[in-house]
C-alpha atoms as a PDB file:
ATOM      1  CA  MET A   1     234.629 121.796 -38.060  1.00  0.00           C
ATOM      2  CA  PHE A   2     232.825 119.533 -40.534  1.00  0.00           C
ATOM      3  CA  LEU A   3     229.044 119.302 -40.177  1.00  0.00           C
ATOM      4  CA  ASP A   4     227.533 116.522 -42.255  1.00  0.00           C
ATOM      5  CA  GLU A   5     223.834 116.471 -43.287  1.00  0.00           C
ATOM      6  CA  ILE A   6     223.341 120.064 -42.129  1.00  0.00           C
ATOM      7  CA  GLY A   7     219.881 119.976 -43.691  1.00  0.00           C
ATOM      8  CA  ASP A   8     218.742 117.530 -40.983  1.00  0.00           C
ATOM      9  CA  LEU A   9     219.576 119.924 -38.131  1.00  0.00           C
ATOM     10  CA  PRO A  10     216.441 120.808 -36.090  1.00  0.00           C
ATOM     11  CA  LEU A  11     215.385 124.478 -36.154  1.00  0.00           C
ATOM     12  CA  LYS A  12     216.160 124.916 -32.458  1.00  0.00           C
ATOM     13  CA  LEU A  13     219.743 123.777 -32.967  1.00  0.00           C
ATOM     14  CA  GLN A  14     220.023 125.873 -36.122  1.00  0.00           C
ATOM     15  CA  ALA A  15     219.377 128.980 -33.998  1.00  0.00           C
ATOM     16  CA  LYS A  16     222.031 127.931 -31.479  1.00  0.00           C
ATOM     17  CA  LEU A  17     224.566 127.179 -34.193  1.00  0.00           C
ATOM     18  CA  LEU A  18     223.941 130.555 -35.817  1.00  0.00           C
ATOM     19  CA  GLN A  19     224.535 132.271 -32.481  1.00  0.00           C
ATOM     20  CA  VAL A  20     227.850 130.439 -31.988  1.00  0.00           C
ATOM     21  CA  ILE A  21     228.950 131.325 -35.522  1.00  0.00           C
ATOM     22  CA  GLU A  22     228.174 135.008 -35.013  1.00  0.00           C
ATOM     23  CA  ASP A  23     229.390 135.412 -31.413  1.00  0.00           C
ATOM     24  CA  LYS A  24     232.373 133.027 -31.667  1.00  0.00           C
ATOM     25  CA  CYS A  25     231.613 131.780 -28.170  1.00  0.00           C
ATOM     26  CA  PHE A  26     229.340 129.358 -26.342  1.00  0.00           C
ATOM     27  CA  THR A  27     228.412 128.280 -22.830  1.00  0.00           C
ATOM     28  CA  PRO A  28     228.630 124.511 -22.202  1.00  0.00           C
ATOM     29  CA  LEU A  29     225.530 122.824 -20.815  1.00  0.00           C
ATOM     30  CA  GLY A  30     225.507 123.025 -17.027  1.00  0.00           C
ATOM     31  CA  SER A  31     228.200 125.695 -16.932  1.00  0.00           C
ATOM     32  CA  THR A  32     228.186 129.461 -16.451  1.00  0.00           C
ATOM     33  CA  GLU A  33     231.542 129.958 -18.159  1.00  0.00           C
ATOM     34  CA  THR A  34     231.569 131.362 -21.670  1.00  0.00           C
ATOM     35  CA  ILE A  35     234.187 129.812 -23.933  1.00  0.00           C
ATOM     36  CA  LYS A  36     235.549 131.717 -26.909  1.00  0.00           C
ATOM     37  CA  VAL A  37     236.226 129.677 -30.040  1.00  0.00           C
ATOM     38  CA  ASP A  38     237.950 130.220 -33.370  1.00  0.00           C
ATOM     39  CA  PHE A  39     236.832 127.885 -36.116  1.00  0.00           C
ATOM     40  CA  ARG A  40     235.717 127.535 -39.694  1.00  0.00           C
ATOM     41  CA  ILE A  41     232.805 125.393 -40.777  1.00  0.00           C
ATOM     42  CA  VAL A  42     232.547 123.039 -43.730  1.00  0.00           C
ATOM     43  CA  ALA A  43     228.959 121.829 -44.082  1.00  0.00           C
ATOM     44  CA  ALA A  44     227.532 119.179 -46.397  1.00  0.00           C
ATOM     45  CA  THR A  45     224.066 118.014 -47.324  1.00  0.00           C
ATOM     46  CA  ASN A  46     222.187 116.198 -50.054  1.00  0.00           C
ATOM     47  CA  ALA A  47     218.928 117.880 -49.002  1.00  0.00           C
ATOM     48  CA  PRO A  48     217.373 120.620 -51.195  1.00  0.00           C
ATOM     49  CA  ILE A  49     218.246 123.486 -48.850  1.00  0.00           C
ATOM     50  CA  LYS A  50     216.399 126.194 -50.803  1.00  0.00           C
ATOM     51  CA  LYS A  51     213.256 124.074 -50.727  1.00  0.00           C
ATOM     52  CA  LEU A  52     213.680 123.563 -46.978  1.00  0.00           C
ATOM     53  CA  ILE A  53     214.004 127.346 -46.567  1.00  0.00           C
ATOM     54  CA  ALA A  54     210.815 127.905 -48.555  1.00  0.00           C
ATOM     55  CA  GLU A  55     209.034 125.369 -46.339  1.00  0.00           C
ATOM     56  CA  GLY A  56     210.290 127.040 -43.164  1.00  0.00           C
ATOM     57  CA  ARG A  57     212.443 124.040 -42.189  1.00  0.00           C
ATOM     58  CA  PHE A  58     215.831 125.720 -42.553  1.00  0.00           C
ATOM     59  CA  ARG A  59     216.816 129.200 -41.432  1.00  0.00           C
ATOM     60  CA  PRO A  60     217.781 131.466 -44.345  1.00  0.00           C
ATOM     61  CA  ASP A  61     220.140 133.484 -42.128  1.00  0.00           C
ATOM     62  CA  LEU A  62     222.065 130.326 -41.228  1.00  0.00           C
ATOM     63  CA  PHE A  63     222.176 129.301 -44.884  1.00  0.00           C
ATOM     64  CA  TYR A  64     223.720 132.631 -45.938  1.00  0.00           C
ATOM     65  CA  ARG A  65     226.262 132.455 -43.107  1.00  0.00           C
ATOM     66  CA  LEU A  66     227.333 128.977 -44.217  1.00  0.00           C
ATOM     67  CA  ASN A  67     227.132 129.564 -47.960  1.00  0.00           C
ATOM     68  CA  ASP A  68     230.163 131.804 -48.436  1.00  0.00           C
ATOM     69  CA  TYR A  69     231.580 129.341 -50.928  1.00  0.00           C
ATOM     70  CA  ALA A  70     229.578 126.417 -52.321  1.00  0.00           C
ATOM     71  CA  ILE A  71     230.903 123.300 -54.034  1.00  0.00           C
ATOM     72  CA  HIS A  72     228.432 121.219 -56.001  1.00  0.00           C
ATOM     73  CA  LEU A  73     229.541 117.591 -56.254  1.00  0.00           C
ATOM     74  CA  PRO A  74     227.905 115.838 -59.223  1.00  0.00           C
ATOM     75  CA  PRO A  75     226.343 112.411 -58.635  1.00  0.00           C
ATOM     76  CA  LEU A  76     228.662 109.456 -59.056  1.00  0.00           C
ATOM     77  CA  ARG A  77     226.930 108.367 -62.276  1.00  0.00           C
ATOM     78  CA  ASN A  78     228.114 111.636 -63.868  1.00  0.00           C
ATOM     79  CA  ARG A  79     231.778 111.102 -62.958  1.00  0.00           C
ATOM     80  CA  ARG A  80     232.390 107.456 -63.667  1.00  0.00           C
ATOM     81  CA  GLU A  81     236.104 108.094 -64.123  1.00  0.00           C
ATOM     82  CA  ASP A  82     236.287 108.433 -60.323  1.00  0.00           C
ATOM     83  CA  ILE A  83     234.915 104.932 -59.699  1.00  0.00           C
ATOM     84  CA  PRO A  84     238.184 102.963 -60.143  1.00  0.00           C
ATOM     85  CA  LEU A  85     239.991 105.382 -57.808  1.00  0.00           C
ATOM     86  CA  LEU A  86     237.212 105.199 -55.216  1.00  0.00           C
ATOM     87  CA  ALA A  87     237.123 101.404 -55.485  1.00  0.00           C
ATOM     88  CA  GLU A  88     240.871 101.209 -54.855  1.00  0.00           C
ATOM     89  CA  HIS A  89     240.582 103.601 -51.908  1.00  0.00           C
ATOM     90  CA  PHE A  90     237.692 101.830 -50.167  1.00  0.00           C
ATOM     91  CA  LEU A  91     239.160  98.410 -50.874  1.00  0.00           C
ATOM     92  CA  GLY A  92     242.328  99.542 -49.121  1.00  0.00           C
ATOM     93  CA  VAL A  93     240.410 101.007 -46.178  1.00  0.00           C
ATOM     94  CA  TYR A  94     238.255  97.942 -45.545  1.00  0.00           C
ATOM     95  CA  GLY A  95     240.911  95.467 -46.572  1.00  0.00           C
ATOM     96  CA  ARG A  96     243.107  96.764 -43.750  1.00  0.00           C
ATOM     97  CA  LYS A  97     240.180  97.065 -41.369  1.00  0.00           C
ATOM     98  CA  PHE A  98     239.030  93.479 -41.848  1.00  0.00           C
ATOM     99  CA  LYS A  99     242.559  92.069 -42.232  1.00  0.00           C
ATOM    100  CA  ARG A 100     242.276  91.294 -45.939  1.00  0.00           C
ATOM    101  CA  PRO A 101     244.961  93.625 -47.304  1.00  0.00           C
ATOM    102  CA  ASP A 102     245.689  91.579 -50.428  1.00  0.00           C
ATOM    103  CA  MET A 103     242.201  91.735 -51.932  1.00  0.00           C
ATOM    104  CA  GLU A 104     241.877  93.102 -55.451  1.00  0.00           C
ATOM    105  CA  ILE A 105     238.888  93.893 -57.657  1.00  0.00           C
ATOM    106  CA  PRO A 106     238.946  91.852 -60.890  1.00  0.00           C
ATOM    107  CA  ALA A 107     238.795  93.835 -64.122  1.00  0.00           C
ATOM    108  CA  GLU A 108     235.384  92.350 -64.983  1.00  0.00           C
ATOM    109  CA  THR A 109     233.927  93.418 -61.636  1.00  0.00           C
ATOM    110  CA  LEU A 110     235.437  96.898 -61.929  1.00  0.00           C
ATOM    111  CA  SER A 111     233.875  97.236 -65.370  1.00  0.00           C
ATOM    112  CA  LEU A 112     230.481  96.300 -63.911  1.00  0.00           C
ATOM    113  CA  LEU A 113     230.907  98.790 -61.072  1.00  0.00           C
ATOM    114  CA  THR A 114     231.709 101.548 -63.543  1.00  0.00           C
ATOM    115  CA  ARG A 115     228.521 100.921 -65.531  1.00  0.00           C
ATOM    116  CA  GLN A 116     226.126 101.158 -62.570  1.00  0.00           C
ATOM    117  CA  GLN A 117     223.967 104.195 -61.783  1.00  0.00           C
ATOM    118  CA  TRP A 118     224.679 104.255 -58.012  1.00  0.00           C
ATOM    119  CA  PRO A 119     221.550 106.183 -56.957  1.00  0.00           C
ATOM    120  CA  GLY A 120     222.903 106.287 -53.393  1.00  0.00           C
ATOM    121  CA  ASN A 121     226.147 107.862 -54.655  1.00  0.00           C
ATOM    122  CA  ILE A 122     229.351 107.548 -52.613  1.00  0.00           C
ATOM    123  CA  ARG A 123     227.711 106.008 -49.555  1.00  0.00           C
ATOM    124  CA  GLU A 124     226.055 103.279 -51.578  1.00  0.00           C
ATOM    125  CA  PHE A 125     229.309 102.619 -53.440  1.00  0.00           C
ATOM    126  CA  GLU A 126     231.342 102.519 -50.221  1.00  0.00           C
ATOM    127  CA  ALA A 127     228.797 100.185 -48.610  1.00  0.00           C
ATOM    128  CA  PHE A 128     228.997  97.887 -51.636  1.00  0.00           C
ATOM    129  CA  ILE A 129     232.813  97.689 -51.508  1.00  0.00           C
ATOM    130  CA  ARG A 130     232.648  97.105 -47.761  1.00  0.00           C
ATOM    131  CA  ARG A 131     230.221  94.250 -48.354  1.00  0.00           C
ATOM    132  CA  LEU A 132     232.518  92.775 -51.016  1.00  0.00           C
ATOM    133  CA  VAL A 133     235.346  92.714 -48.495  1.00  0.00           C
ATOM    134  CA  LEU A 134     233.194  91.356 -45.677  1.00  0.00           C
ATOM    135  CA  ASP A 135     231.732  88.579 -47.850  1.00  0.00           C
ATOM    136  CA  ASP A 136     234.993  87.896 -49.684  1.00  0.00           C
ATOM    137  CA  TYR A 137     233.426  88.172 -53.157  1.00  0.00           C
ATOM    138  CA  LYS A 138     230.634  85.674 -52.588  1.00  0.00           C
ATOM    139  CA  THR A 139     228.463  85.133 -55.657  1.00  0.00           C
ATOM    140  CA  ASP A 140     225.320  86.675 -54.151  1.00  0.00           C
ATOM    141  CA  VAL A 141     227.118  89.971 -53.515  1.00  0.00           C
ATOM    142  CA  LEU A 142     227.902  90.392 -57.206  1.00  0.00           C
ATOM    143  CA  ALA A 143     224.542  89.080 -58.413  1.00  0.00           C
ATOM    144  CA  SER A 144     223.010  92.560 -58.271  1.00  0.00           C
ATOM    145  CA  LEU A 145     225.531  93.751 -60.855  1.00  0.00           C
ATOM    146  CA  LYS A 146     224.628  91.347 -63.628  1.00  0.00           C
ATOM    147  CA  GLY A 147     221.940  89.244 -65.199  1.00  0.00           C
ATOM    148  CA  GLY A 148     218.321  89.844 -64.297  1.00  0.00           C
ATOM    149  CA  HIS A 149     219.255  91.918 -61.266  1.00  0.00           C
ATOM    150  CA  SER A 150     221.147  94.553 -63.214  1.00  0.00           C
ATOM    151  CA  LEU A 151     221.120  97.876 -61.406  1.00  0.00           C
ATOM    152  CA  MET A 152     221.107  99.645 -64.752  1.00  0.00           C
ATOM    153  CA  SER A 153     217.849  98.215 -66.031  1.00  0.00           C
ATOM    154  CA  ASP A 154     215.727  97.107 -63.084  1.00  0.00           C
ATOM    155  CA  THR A 155     214.154  99.845 -60.954  1.00  0.00           C
ATOM    156  CA  ALA A 156     213.020  97.364 -58.343  1.00  0.00           C
ATOM    157  CA  GLY A 157     216.518  95.893 -58.384  1.00  0.00           C
ATOM    158  CA  VAL A 158     217.988  99.330 -57.692  1.00  0.00           C
ATOM    159  CA  ALA A 159     215.816  99.860 -54.634  1.00  0.00           C
ATOM    160  CA  GLU A 160     216.401  96.344 -53.322  1.00  0.00           C
ATOM    161  CA  ALA A 161     220.158  96.480 -53.935  1.00  0.00           C
ATOM    162  CA  VAL A 162     220.438  99.832 -52.168  1.00  0.00           C
ATOM    163  CA  ARG A 163     218.312  98.576 -49.280  1.00  0.00           C
ATOM    164  CA  GLU A 164     220.206  95.319 -48.803  1.00  0.00           C
ATOM    165  CA  THR A 165     223.653  96.863 -49.193  1.00  0.00           C
ATOM    166  CA  GLU A 166     222.958  99.709 -46.799  1.00  0.00           C
ATOM    167  CA  MET A 167     221.203  97.466 -44.286  1.00  0.00           C
ATOM    168  CA  ASP A 168     224.068  94.956 -44.290  1.00  0.00           C
ATOM    169  CA  ALA A 169     226.666  97.701 -43.871  1.00  0.00           C
ATOM    170  CA  ILE A 170     224.785  99.312 -40.976  1.00  0.00           C
ATOM    171  CA  LEU A 171     224.234  95.976 -39.274  1.00  0.00           C
ATOM    172  CA  ALA A 172     227.924  95.121 -39.641  1.00  0.00           C
ATOM    173  CA  ALA A 173     228.879  98.503 -38.152  1.00  0.00           C
ATOM    174  CA  LEU A 174     226.488  98.018 -35.222  1.00  0.00           C
ATOM    175  CA  LYS A 175     227.896  94.582 -34.476  1.00  0.00           C
ATOM    176  CA  GLU A 176     231.468  95.839 -34.765  1.00  0.00           C
ATOM    177  CA  ALA A 177     230.654  98.707 -32.396  1.00  0.00           C
ATOM    178  CA  LYS A 178     228.945  96.294 -29.968  1.00  0.00           C
ATOM    179  CA  TRP A 179     225.671  98.153 -30.628  1.00  0.00           C
ATOM    180  CA  ASN A 180     227.068 101.514 -29.564  1.00  0.00           C
ATOM    181  CA  ARG A 181     225.112 103.650 -32.026  1.00  0.00           C
ATOM    182  CA  ARG A 182     227.388 106.673 -31.969  1.00  0.00           C
ATOM    183  CA  LYS A 183     230.415 104.485 -32.652  1.00  0.00           C
ATOM    184  CA  ALA A 184     228.490 102.648 -35.382  1.00  0.00           C
ATOM    185  CA  ALA A 185     227.625 105.990 -37.010  1.00  0.00           C
ATOM    186  CA  GLU A 186     231.333 106.832 -37.158  1.00  0.00           C
ATOM    187  CA  LEU A 187     232.200 103.433 -38.612  1.00  0.00           C
ATOM    188  CA  SER A 188     229.503 103.669 -41.286  1.00  0.00           C
ATOM    189  CA  GLY A 189     230.356 107.259 -42.218  1.00  0.00           C
ATOM    190  CA  MET A 190     226.958 108.793 -41.503  1.00  0.00           C
ATOM    191  CA  SER A 191     225.504 111.166 -38.941  1.00  0.00           C
ATOM    192  CA  TYR A 192     224.056 109.809 -35.715  1.00  0.00           C
ATOM    193  CA  SER A 193     220.566 111.032 -36.640  1.00  0.00           C
ATOM    194  CA  SER A 194     220.778 109.332 -40.049  1.00  0.00           C
ATOM    195  CA  LEU A 195     221.848 106.082 -38.427  1.00  0.00           C
ATOM    196  CA  ARG A 196     218.949 106.187 -35.969  1.00  0.00           C
ATOM    197  CA  ARG A 197     216.453 106.734 -38.791  1.00  0.00           C
ATOM    198  CA  ARG A 198     217.849 103.804 -40.743  1.00  0.00           C
ATOM    199  CA  ILE A 199     217.789 101.522 -37.699  1.00  0.00           C
ATOM    200  CA  VAL A 200     214.060 102.224 -37.460  1.00  0.00           C
ATOM    201  CA  LYS A 201     213.575 101.995 -41.243  1.00  0.00           C
ATOM    202  CA  TYR A 202     215.238  98.573 -41.481  1.00  0.00           C
ATOM    203  CA  ASP A 203     213.973  97.352 -38.089  1.00  0.00           C
ATOM    204  CA  LEU A 204     217.487  96.582 -36.897  1.00  0.00           C
ATOM    205  CA  ALA A 205     216.912  97.264 -33.210  1.00  0.00           C
ATOM    206  CA  ASN A 206     215.796  93.687 -32.618  1.00  0.00           C
ATOM    207  CA  GLN A 207     218.531  91.985 -34.626  1.00  0.00           C
END
């Protein structure tokens, strides 16, 4: 079972999850029947878990139960050799999804992508490729990669590019899911709680 953004789990649910992990059983809501389960958990987060523990926002006992083996994934800017492979992968995914299977990323664009910092890491990069496919390489999509809006040199440009790219991707997912938020969360590759926060952050509820 994969649990994304485990650091966002409320304390009350952390206690329940810990109990399920230790007892290997649970009782469904509204039922009196106990169900035994056999599973392994892979959990991921970009939150500073040890800081959350120190602040009393994450249970240390749950952390030690989950932290049998930890994998630290460096930020995308520190593994630029992965960018061409990721670009090819996401282009294939969204090219098929939006019925544009023959799209390719020009060498010049790929070079620009490789030189960016990508402060939002994989999700920002995926959202950018998705937007490229959706907009069919319109000039304004690539404008943030060059000239005065370079992501490498303009801090304000970084924040604005991340905001616009993420907002557009979430809005596209919501429309595709006919405003079913759980379905939109799946389409956009984020947790339901993260999607809800971003809908509020970007004021998308009234779109």
